[in-house]
């Protein structure tokens, strides 16, 4: 699975305008530098267009459906909201991954 495409406000404005002008999806995709299916997924996810098929359904694991909690981080004890069942905050997780990488550098 590819990594999620970050869509800027300008990109969304372009897509909305392009839809009103009935521009083809291929032109939108070329403008944004992504494939047509990704354009359709973005349009569906942002509520700009509707498409049939499971391919375009917003995943339950997406940020829109993700449950958050404020449980203290197991390392630094911060209570900043993070995805439920994530026991270590993102900051500590990144720090830990960098430290563990350096262990194996020879």
Protein backbone atom coordinates (compact mmCIF):
# COMPACT_ATOMS: atom_id res chain seq x y z
CA UNK A 1 0.00 0.00 0.00
CA UNK A 2 1.35 3.43 -0.91
CA UNK A 3 1.86 6.17 1.61
CA UNK A 4 -0.96 8.69 2.07
CA UNK A 5 -0.91 11.79 -0.14
CA UNK A 6 -1.02 15.06 1.78
CA UNK A 7 -3.48 17.40 0.10
CA UNK A 8 -3.07 21.14 0.60
CA UNK A 9 -5.91 23.64 0.77
CA UNK A 10 -4.79 24.94 -2.63
CA UNK A 11 -5.02 21.44 -4.10
CA UNK A 12 -8.57 21.05 -2.76
CA UNK A 13 -9.56 24.43 -4.22
CA UNK A 14 -8.11 23.39 -7.58
CA UNK A 15 -10.00 20.07 -7.50
CA UNK A 16 -13.30 21.76 -6.61
CA UNK A 17 -12.83 24.30 -9.41
CA UNK A 18 -11.80 21.59 -11.89
CA UNK A 19 -14.92 19.55 -11.04
CA UNK A 20 -17.16 22.56 -11.68
CA UNK A 21 -15.43 23.07 -15.04
CA UNK A 22 -15.93 19.35 -15.87
CA UNK A 23 -12.21 18.80 -16.40
CA UNK A 24 -11.21 15.16 -16.94
CA UNK A 25 -9.73 13.25 -14.00
CA UNK A 26 -6.59 12.62 -16.04
CA UNK A 27 -5.94 16.37 -16.26
CA UNK A 28 -6.47 16.76 -12.51
CA UNK A 29 -4.10 13.87 -11.85
CA UNK A 30 -1.44 15.32 -14.13
CA UNK A 31 -1.75 18.72 -12.43
CA UNK A 32 -1.26 17.18 -8.95
CA UNK A 33 1.36 14.64 -10.06
CA UNK A 34 -0.62 11.60 -8.89
CA UNK A 35 -2.62 8.82 -10.57
CA UNK A 36 -6.30 9.06 -11.51
CA UNK A 37 -7.41 6.57 -8.84
CA UNK A 38 -5.70 8.68 -6.17
CA UNK A 39 -7.52 11.78 -7.44
CA UNK A 40 -10.83 9.91 -7.21
CA UNK A 41 -10.03 8.70 -3.69
CA UNK A 42 -9.19 12.26 -2.60
CA UNK A 43 -12.39 13.63 -4.16
CA UNK A 44 -14.44 10.95 -2.43
CA UNK A 45 -12.64 11.34 0.92
CA UNK A 46 -13.12 15.13 0.91
CA UNK A 47 -16.77 14.87 -0.10
CA UNK A 48 -16.30 16.62 -3.44
CA UNK A 49 -17.53 13.67 -5.54
CA UNK A 50 -19.19 10.28 -5.10
CA UNK A 51 -17.96 7.09 -6.73
CA UNK A 52 -19.34 3.57 -6.61
CA UNK A 53 -17.11 0.74 -5.50
CA UNK A 54 -15.29 -0.39 -2.41
CA UNK A 55 -12.08 0.98 -3.89
CA UNK A 56 -13.09 4.53 -2.94
CA UNK A 57 -14.51 3.91 0.53
CA UNK A 58 -12.76 5.79 3.34
CA UNK A 59 -10.98 3.23 5.50
CA UNK A 60 -12.05 2.90 9.11
CA UNK A 61 -8.38 3.28 10.06
CA UNK A 62 -8.22 6.75 8.52
CA UNK A 63 -7.76 9.86 10.66
CA UNK A 64 -11.46 10.72 10.33
CA UNK A 65 -12.49 7.50 12.11
CA UNK A 66 -9.56 7.12 14.48
CA UNK A 67 -10.34 7.12 18.20
CA UNK A 68 -7.97 9.12 20.37
CA UNK A 69 -7.03 8.91 24.01
CA UNK A 70 -5.01 10.98 26.49
CA UNK A 71 -3.37 8.10 28.34
CA UNK A 72 0.10 9.10 29.66
CA UNK A 73 3.02 8.11 27.45
CA UNK A 74 4.95 5.18 28.95
CA UNK A 75 8.24 7.06 28.51
CA UNK A 76 7.73 10.81 29.04
CA UNK A 77 4.26 10.71 30.72
CA UNK A 78 2.82 13.44 28.44
CA UNK A 79 -0.96 13.27 27.99
CA UNK A 80 -1.22 14.82 24.51
CA UNK A 81 -4.01 13.10 22.52
CA UNK A 82 -2.78 10.26 20.30
CA UNK A 83 -4.39 7.28 18.55
CA UNK A 84 -5.99 4.80 20.91
CA UNK A 85 -3.75 1.83 21.75
CA UNK A 86 -0.59 3.85 20.98
CA UNK A 87 1.16 3.63 24.35
CA UNK A 88 4.25 5.70 23.47
CA UNK A 89 3.82 9.22 22.07
CA UNK A 90 5.04 9.95 18.55
CA UNK A 91 7.88 12.17 19.79
CA UNK A 92 9.29 9.39 22.01
CA UNK A 93 8.67 6.77 19.33
CA UNK A 94 10.71 8.77 16.79
CA UNK A 95 13.47 9.39 19.33
CA UNK A 96 13.58 5.69 20.22
CA UNK A 97 13.73 4.62 16.56
CA UNK A 98 16.66 7.01 15.91
CA UNK A 99 18.49 5.67 18.97
CA UNK A 100 17.93 2.05 17.95
CA UNK A 101 19.20 2.80 14.42
CA UNK A 102 22.45 4.23 15.78
CA UNK A 103 23.06 1.04 17.79
CA UNK A 104 23.48 -0.90 14.55
CA UNK A 105 25.69 1.70 12.79
CA UNK A 106 29.24 0.39 12.59
